[in-house]
Amino acid sequence: MKLLAAADFHGNSSAENNLSKLLKRGYDCLVLIGDLTNFGPPEIAESILKLAKDFGVPCFSVPGNCDPKSIIQVLEKNGANIHGKCGKLGEFTFVGLGGSNLTPFNTPFELTEIEIQEELTAASYGIGEKWILVTHAPPHGTKVDRIREGTHVGSKSIRQYIEQKQPLVALCGHVHEARGIDQLGRTLVVNPGPITKGFAAEVNIDDVRINFRLLEI
């Protein structure tokens, strides 16, 4: 499976243009990692999801902390929502959690660490061996959750969950300046960076190995 991961659109039209250019390369799946809007309105997500449909690419998405919670209905209507639940594509399962751990900014979609733990536990019931975690917030204490000043701002519950459950890949966003990859046990952790700047990530998974590329338009 060859998937394209994109995060942090923030309602920017250039982000959609960047996504369209990337989708022309051909993918089996598109994963949208939240912040499709910049505090709404939720309908902005419609045009992003339409791009996936126009290219005939299955799409899974979670909301970000800067998306209103009502965006979940938009994702559901378009068959893309995996917030708090699983999605299946062939032999692969996608487990999703949107929003973020608490921030100092009182953004629309924030969760306590206990809520994150409970949501992930409920969402991952019955998953198989080949599965991918999609969370807007990154795991705490990694290369992909460090802000410019050097502070780690990711979720401790997400990190604990990854360490315990060991998905093949964990896709995240949220911290724009922490674009990159890390490893937690067998799990490859990828923050593709903001699509507003032309950043994304490509992940290839087969029976033997996982290959990835950080992309830039």
Protein backbone atom coordinates (compact mmCIF):
# COMPACT_ATOMS: atom_id res chain seq x y z
CA MET A 1 0.00 0.00 0.00
CA LYS A 2 1.24 3.43 -0.97
CA LEU A 3 -0.32 6.20 1.10
CA LEU A 4 -0.08 9.97 1.13
CA ALA A 5 -0.22 11.74 4.51
CA ALA A 6 -1.05 15.45 4.73
CA ALA A 7 -1.69 17.67 7.73
CA ASP A 8 -2.44 21.22 8.83
CA PHE A 9 -4.30 22.85 5.94
CA HIS A 10 -5.75 25.63 8.14
CA GLY A 11 -8.26 26.59 5.47
CA ASN A 12 -5.52 27.74 3.11
CA SER A 13 -6.27 27.48 -0.61
CA SER A 14 -2.58 26.96 -1.42
CA ALA A 15 -2.68 23.84 0.75
CA GLU A 16 -5.40 22.37 -1.47
CA ASN A 17 -3.36 23.22 -4.57
CA ASN A 18 -0.36 21.46 -3.05
CA LEU A 19 -2.46 18.41 -2.26
CA SER A 20 -3.81 18.26 -5.80
CA LYS A 21 -0.28 18.28 -7.22
CA LEU A 22 0.74 15.43 -4.93
CA LEU A 23 -2.32 13.30 -5.68
CA LYS A 24 -1.36 13.33 -9.36
CA ARG A 25 1.55 11.04 -8.44
CA GLY A 26 -0.89 8.21 -7.69
CA TYR A 27 -1.73 6.76 -4.29
CA ASP A 28 -3.76 3.91 -2.82
CA CYS A 29 -4.91 6.00 0.14
CA LEU A 30 -4.99 9.60 1.38
CA VAL A 31 -4.72 10.28 5.12
CA LEU A 32 -5.67 13.75 6.36
CA ILE A 33 -4.24 14.42 9.82
CA GLY A 34 -6.38 17.33 10.95
CA ASP A 35 -6.57 21.11 11.06
CA LEU A 36 -8.39 21.11 7.74
CA THR A 37 -9.89 24.47 8.75
CA ASN A 38 -8.69 27.42 10.77
CA PHE A 39 -11.37 27.46 13.49
CA GLY A 40 -14.03 26.63 10.92
CA PRO A 41 -16.37 26.72 9.24
CA PRO A 42 -16.49 22.91 8.96
CA GLU A 43 -17.77 23.06 5.36
CA ILE A 44 -14.27 24.10 4.23
CA ALA A 45 -13.32 20.44 4.54
CA GLU A 46 -15.72 19.54 1.73
CA SER A 47 -13.42 20.80 -1.03
CA ILE A 48 -10.43 18.92 0.42
CA LEU A 49 -12.41 15.69 0.57
CA LYS A 50 -13.70 16.30 -2.96
CA LEU A 51 -10.11 16.27 -4.23
CA ALA A 52 -9.71 12.70 -2.99
CA LYS A 53 -12.95 11.70 -4.71
CA ASP A 54 -11.91 13.40 -7.95
CA PHE A 55 -8.68 11.38 -7.97
CA GLY A 56 -10.50 8.19 -6.97
CA VAL A 57 -8.41 7.79 -3.82
CA PRO A 58 -9.90 6.34 -0.60
CA CYS A 59 -9.56 8.87 2.21
CA PHE A 60 -9.38 8.67 6.00
CA SER A 61 -9.32 11.74 8.20
CA VAL A 62 -9.27 12.98 11.77
CA PRO A 63 -10.01 16.56 12.88
CA GLY A 64 -7.37 18.79 14.42
CA ASN A 65 -7.48 20.99 17.47
CA CYS A 66 -8.19 24.04 15.27
CA ASP A 67 -11.22 22.34 13.68
CA PRO A 68 -14.65 22.73 15.28
CA LYS A 69 -16.01 19.44 16.59
CA SER A 70 -18.88 19.72 14.13
CA ILE A 71 -16.41 18.87 11.35
CA ILE A 72 -16.86 15.22 12.36
CA GLN A 73 -20.31 15.28 10.70
CA VAL A 74 -18.72 16.52 7.46
CA LEU A 75 -16.12 13.75 7.56
CA GLU A 76 -18.81 11.16 8.33
CA LYS A 77 -21.00 12.32 5.45
CA ASN A 78 -18.07 11.83 3.09
CA GLY A 79 -17.11 8.42 4.48
CA ALA A 80 -13.72 9.68 5.70
CA ASN A 81 -14.08 9.92 9.47
CA ILE A 82 -11.90 7.74 11.72
CA HIS A 83 -12.02 9.93 14.82
CA GLY A 84 -12.54 7.58 17.74
CA LYS A 85 -12.93 4.52 15.53
CA CYS A 86 -11.38 2.23 12.91
CA GLY A 87 -11.42 2.30 9.15
CA LYS A 88 -10.47 -0.58 6.84
CA LEU A 89 -8.71 -0.59 3.49
CA GLY A 90 -7.86 -4.04 2.21
CA GLU A 91 -5.80 -5.82 4.83
CA PHE A 92 -4.96 -2.61 6.70
CA THR A 93 -6.83 -1.02 9.61
CA PHE A 94 -6.61 2.69 10.43
CA VAL A 95 -7.26 3.81 14.01
CA GLY A 96 -7.87 7.53 14.48
CA LEU A 97 -8.05 10.20 17.14
CA GLY A 98 -8.53 13.87 16.37
CA GLY A 99 -8.07 17.01 18.42
CA SER A 100 -5.06 17.42 20.67
CA ASN A 101 -3.97 17.25 24.26
CA LEU A 102 -4.57 20.48 26.18
CA THR A 103 -2.86 23.63 24.91
CA PRO A 104 -2.44 27.13 26.39
CA PHE A 105 -4.59 28.53 23.56
CA ASN A 106 -8.05 27.07 24.32
CA THR A 107 -8.53 25.79 20.76
CA PRO A 108 -11.86 24.22 19.72
CA PHE A 109 -10.93 20.53 19.95
CA GLU A 110 -8.81 19.62 22.96
CA LEU A 111 -8.85 16.52 25.18
CA THR A 112 -7.37 15.65 28.54
CA GLU A 113 -4.79 12.88 28.65
CA ILE A 114 -7.37 10.62 30.35
CA GLU A 115 -9.87 11.29 27.56
CA ILE A 116 -7.22 10.51 24.94
CA GLN A 117 -6.41 7.25 26.67
CA GLU A 118 -10.06 6.24 26.89
CA GLU A 119 -10.84 7.19 23.29
CA LEU A 120 -7.87 5.28 21.89
CA THR A 121 -8.65 2.20 23.94
CA ALA A 122 -12.25 2.17 22.71
CA ALA A 123 -11.31 2.89 19.09
CA SER A 124 -8.77 0.09 18.78
CA TYR A 125 -10.98 -2.78 19.92
CA GLY A 126 -10.50 -5.77 17.66
CA ILE A 127 -7.68 -4.45 15.45
CA GLY A 128 -5.50 -6.95 13.60
CA GLU A 129 -1.75 -7.05 13.04
CA LYS A 130 -1.52 -4.64 10.10
CA TRP A 131 -2.69 -1.31 11.38
CA ILE A 132 -1.83 2.37 11.29
CA LEU A 133 -2.46 4.96 13.98
CA VAL A 134 -3.59 8.45 12.90
CA THR A 135 -3.60 11.17 15.57
CA HIS A 136 -3.47 14.90 15.06
CA ALA A 137 -1.33 15.29 18.19
CA PRO A 138 2.14 13.71 18.19
CA PRO A 139 3.49 11.42 20.91
CA HIS A 140 5.27 13.21 23.74
CA GLY A 141 9.04 13.34 24.04
CA THR A 142 9.90 12.58 20.42
CA LYS A 143 11.51 14.36 17.49
CA VAL A 144 8.06 15.15 16.09
CA ASP A 145 6.53 17.06 19.04
CA ARG A 146 9.21 19.63 19.85
CA ILE A 147 8.38 23.30 19.35
CA ARG A 148 10.97 25.85 18.27
CA GLU A 149 11.99 26.66 21.86
CA GLY A 150 12.78 22.99 22.43
CA THR A 151 9.80 22.06 24.62
CA HIS A 152 8.00 18.78 23.95
CA VAL A 153 4.26 19.44 23.67
CA GLY A 154 2.85 16.11 22.47
CA SER A 155 0.52 13.72 24.25
CA LYS A 156 1.88 11.37 26.90
CA SER A 157 -1.15 9.11 26.47
CA ILE A 158 -0.51 8.76 22.73
CA ARG A 159 3.10 7.87 23.39
CA GLN A 160 2.12 5.26 25.99
CA TYR A 161 -0.45 3.81 23.61
CA ILE A 162 2.10 3.50 20.79
CA GLU A 163 4.64 1.86 23.09
CA GLN A 164 2.07 -0.67 24.29
CA LYS A 165 0.24 -1.43 21.02
CA GLN A 166 3.03 -0.95 18.45
CA PRO A 167 1.20 -0.02 15.22
CA LEU A 168 3.20 -0.32 12.01
CA VAL A 169 3.10 3.45 11.53
CA ALA A 170 1.89 6.39 13.62
CA LEU A 171 0.96 9.47 11.58
CA CYS A 172 0.65 12.83 13.34
CA GLY A 173 0.82 16.58 12.73
CA HIS A 174 -0.03 19.59 14.92
CA VAL A 175 3.53 20.79 15.61
CA HIS A 176 4.44 22.44 12.32
CA GLU A 177 8.13 22.95 13.06
CA ALA A 178 8.62 19.32 14.14
CA ARG A 179 8.36 17.84 10.65
CA GLY A 180 10.28 14.58 10.59
CA ILE A 181 10.34 10.97 11.70
CA ASP A 182 11.11 9.00 14.83
CA GLN A 183 10.89 5.43 16.06
CA LEU A 184 9.09 4.04 19.12
CA GLY A 185 9.83 0.33 19.27
CA ARG A 186 8.81 -1.11 15.91
CA THR A 187 6.55 1.87 15.17
CA LEU A 188 7.63 4.44 12.60
CA VAL A 189 6.35 7.86 13.72
CA VAL A 190 5.87 10.42 10.94
CA ASN A 191 4.98 14.11 11.13
CA PRO A 192 4.75 15.22 7.48
CA GLY A 193 4.76 18.94 8.31
CA PRO A 194 2.16 21.46 7.16
CA ILE A 195 0.75 21.06 3.67
CA THR A 196 0.43 24.87 3.60
CA LYS A 197 4.21 24.92 3.04
CA GLY A 198 4.08 22.13 0.47
CA PHE A 199 5.08 19.42 2.95
CA ALA A 200 3.62 15.91 3.08
CA ALA A 201 4.79 12.32 3.50
CA GLU A 202 4.61 9.16 1.42
CA VAL A 203 4.57 5.78 3.15
CA ASN A 204 4.90 2.43 1.35
CA ILE A 205 4.02 -0.70 3.29
CA ASP A 206 4.46 -4.25 2.04
CA ASP A 207 4.83 -7.62 3.72
CA VAL A 208 8.55 -7.17 4.32
CA ARG A 209 9.28 -3.52 5.03
CA ILE A 210 8.06 0.04 5.42
CA ASN A 211 9.57 2.76 3.24
CA PHE A 212 8.85 6.45 3.59
CA ARG A 213 9.70 9.78 2.02
CA LEU A 214 9.15 13.29 3.35
CA LEU A 215 7.78 15.23 0.39
CA GLU A 216 8.04 18.88 -0.57
CA ILE A 217 6.34 20.65 -3.46
